[in-house]
C-alpha atoms as a PDB file:
ATOM      1  CA  MET A   1      -4.055 -10.118 -41.890  1.00  0.00           C
ATOM      2  CA  GLY A   2      -3.839 -13.457 -40.174  1.00  0.00           C
ATOM      3  CA  LYS A   3      -6.767 -15.761 -39.571  1.00  0.00           C
ATOM      4  CA  ASP A   4      -6.710 -15.036 -35.833  1.00  0.00           C
ATOM      5  CA  GLN A   5      -6.861 -11.303 -36.460  1.00  0.00           C
ATOM      6  CA  VAL A   6      -9.885 -11.704 -38.753  1.00  0.00           C
ATOM      7  CA  ILE A   7     -11.682 -13.843 -36.159  1.00  0.00           C
ATOM      8  CA  GLY A   8     -10.783 -11.326 -33.442  1.00  0.00           C
ATOM      9  CA  GLY A   9     -12.117  -8.457 -35.543  1.00  0.00           C
ATOM     10  CA  LEU A  10     -15.362 -10.302 -36.244  1.00  0.00           C
ATOM     11  CA  MET A  11     -15.789 -11.128 -32.550  1.00  0.00           C
ATOM     12  CA  MET A  12     -15.225  -7.499 -31.612  1.00  0.00           C
ATOM     13  CA  ALA A  13     -17.688  -6.247 -34.240  1.00  0.00           C
ATOM     14  CA  ALA A  14     -20.322  -8.793 -33.167  1.00  0.00           C
ATOM     15  CA  ALA A  15     -19.912  -7.811 -29.515  1.00  0.00           C
ATOM     16  CA  ILE A  16     -20.307  -4.109 -30.294  1.00  0.00           C
ATOM     17  CA  ILE A  17     -23.417  -4.775 -32.411  1.00  0.00           C
ATOM     18  CA  ILE A  18     -24.938  -6.909 -29.640  1.00  0.00           C
ATOM     19  CA  ILE A  19     -24.190  -4.183 -27.057  1.00  0.00           C
ATOM     20  CA  ILE A  20     -25.967  -1.623 -29.240  1.00  0.00           C
ATOM     21  CA  ILE A  21     -28.993  -3.909 -29.773  1.00  0.00           C
ATOM     22  CA  TYR A  22     -29.124  -4.727 -26.031  1.00  0.00           C
ATOM     23  CA  ALA A  23     -29.026  -1.031 -25.083  1.00  0.00           C
ATOM     24  CA  TRP A  24     -31.688  -0.184 -27.671  1.00  0.00           C
ATOM     25  CA  ILE A  25     -34.043  -2.914 -26.388  1.00  0.00           C
ATOM     26  CA  LEU A  26     -33.334  -1.940 -22.770  1.00  0.00           C
ATOM     27  CA  PHE A  27     -33.994   1.795 -23.142  1.00  0.00           C
ATOM     28  CA  PHE A  28     -36.296   2.235 -26.136  1.00  0.00           C
ATOM     29  CA  THR A  29     -38.725  -0.686 -26.197  1.00  0.00           C
ATOM     30  CA  PRO A  30     -41.357  -2.095 -23.839  1.00  0.00           C
ATOM     31  CA  TRP A  31     -39.360  -5.352 -23.643  1.00  0.00           C
ATOM     32  CA  ALA A  32     -36.900  -3.974 -21.090  1.00  0.00           C
ATOM     33  CA  LEU A  33     -38.270  -5.962 -18.145  1.00  0.00           C
ATOM     34  CA  ILE A  34     -38.196  -9.313 -19.965  1.00  0.00           C
ATOM     35  CA  LEU A  35     -34.667  -8.540 -21.203  1.00  0.00           C
ATOM     36  CA  LEU A  36     -33.499  -7.885 -17.637  1.00  0.00           C
ATOM     37  CA  GLU A  37     -35.235 -11.052 -16.413  1.00  0.00           C
ATOM     38  CA  ILE A  38     -33.566 -13.149 -19.117  1.00  0.00           C
ATOM     39  CA  THR A  39     -30.187 -11.574 -18.404  1.00  0.00           C
ATOM     40  CA  ALA A  40     -30.501 -12.178 -14.656  1.00  0.00           C
ATOM     41  CA  PHE A  41     -31.614 -15.764 -15.241  1.00  0.00           C
ATOM     42  CA  ILE A  42     -28.654 -16.496 -17.520  1.00  0.00           C
ATOM     43  CA  ALA A  43     -26.215 -14.964 -15.010  1.00  0.00           C
ATOM     44  CA  VAL A  44     -27.626 -16.857 -12.010  1.00  0.00           C
ATOM     45  CA  ALA A  45     -27.964 -20.124 -13.951  1.00  0.00           C
ATOM     46  CA  GLY A  46     -24.371 -19.790 -15.168  1.00  0.00           C
ATOM     47  CA  VAL A  47     -22.949 -19.254 -11.673  1.00  0.00           C
ATOM     48  CA  LEU A  48     -25.059 -22.049 -10.164  1.00  0.00           C
ATOM     49  CA  GLY A  49     -24.134 -24.329 -13.071  1.00  0.00           C
ATOM     50  CA  ILE A  50     -20.452 -23.801 -12.336  1.00  0.00           C
ATOM     51  CA  ILE A  51     -21.053 -24.493  -8.630  1.00  0.00           C
ATOM     52  CA  ALA A  52     -22.966 -27.685  -9.536  1.00  0.00           C
ATOM     53  CA  TRP A  53     -20.117 -28.803 -11.819  1.00  0.00           C
ATOM     54  CA  ILE A  54     -17.560 -28.225  -9.054  1.00  0.00           C
ATOM     55  CA  GLY A  55     -19.761 -30.150  -6.604  1.00  0.00           C
ATOM     56  CA  TYR A  56     -20.174 -33.047  -9.035  1.00  0.00           C
ATOM     57  CA  THR A  57     -16.428 -33.166  -9.608  1.00  0.00           C
ATOM     58  CA  LEU A  58     -15.733 -33.194  -5.868  1.00  0.00           C
ATOM     59  CA  ALA A  59     -18.362 -35.876  -5.262  1.00  0.00           C
ATOM     60  CA  THR A  60     -17.165 -38.238  -8.013  1.00  0.00           C
ATOM     61  CA  THR A  61     -13.383 -37.846  -7.753  1.00  0.00           C
ATOM     62  CA  PRO A  62     -11.763 -40.535  -5.603  1.00  0.00           C
ATOM     63  CA  PRO A  63      -9.689 -39.250  -2.703  1.00  0.00           C
ATOM     64  CA  PRO A  64      -5.928 -39.146  -3.252  1.00  0.00           C
ATOM     65  CA  LYS A  65      -3.675 -41.780  -1.725  1.00  0.00           C
ATOM     66  CA  PRO A  66      -2.042 -40.853   1.571  1.00  0.00           C
ATOM     67  CA  ILE A  67       1.518 -39.628   1.178  1.00  0.00           C
ATOM     68  CA  GLU A  68       2.821 -42.564   3.213  1.00  0.00           C
ATOM     69  CA  GLU A  69       1.507 -45.021   0.584  1.00  0.00           C
ATOM     70  CA  ILE A  70       3.040 -43.023  -2.241  1.00  0.00           C
ATOM     71  CA  GLU A  71       6.396 -42.922  -0.429  1.00  0.00           C
ATOM     72  CA  LYS A  72       6.306 -46.724   0.092  1.00  0.00           C
ATOM     73  CA  GLU A  73       5.554 -47.268  -3.615  1.00  0.00           C
ATOM     74  CA  LEU A  74       8.421 -44.978  -4.597  1.00  0.00           C
ATOM     75  CA  GLN A  75      10.800 -46.797  -2.261  1.00  0.00           C
ATOM     76  CA  LYS A  76       9.782 -50.157  -3.742  1.00  0.00           C
ATOM     77  CA  GLU A  77      10.413 -48.811  -7.243  1.00  0.00           C
ATOM     78  CA  MET A  78      13.797 -47.399  -6.262  1.00  0.00           C
ATOM     79  CA  GLU A  79      15.086 -50.568  -4.499  1.00  0.00           C
ATOM     80  CA  PRO A  80      15.746 -52.626  -7.658  1.00  0.00           C
ATOM     81  CA  VAL A  81      17.529 -49.687  -9.262  1.00  0.00           C
ATOM     82  CA  GLU A  82      19.771 -49.164  -6.227  1.00  0.00           C
ATOM     83  CA  SER A  83      20.581 -52.869  -5.820  1.00  0.00           C
ATOM     84  CA  GLY A  84      21.178 -53.242  -9.576  1.00  0.00           C
ATOM     85  CA  SER A  85      23.730 -50.449  -9.606  1.00  0.00           C
ATOM     86  CA  GLU A  86      25.665 -52.061  -6.734  1.00  0.00           C
ATOM     87  CA  LYS A  87      26.132 -55.316  -8.682  1.00  0.00           C
ATOM     88  CA  GLU A  88      27.953 -53.576 -11.511  1.00  0.00           C
END
């Protein structure tokens, strides 16, 4: 077996064990409410964290140059190449 297959097998086994423990706590212990509260908090915090990260990225990323400026820069770069090939 390859290293990736071993890691994949361990991840699968860990996930199944965690599912069983989660179900046992949820249905057979008095801690069900706190487990649901923690789960909901993690889910909401994760989604809002991703939204905050996207907002931060949008707020701190400089706007792109207008296409007209990019075209002018490309034309300036291409002029020496075109004039150089005519001389030869």
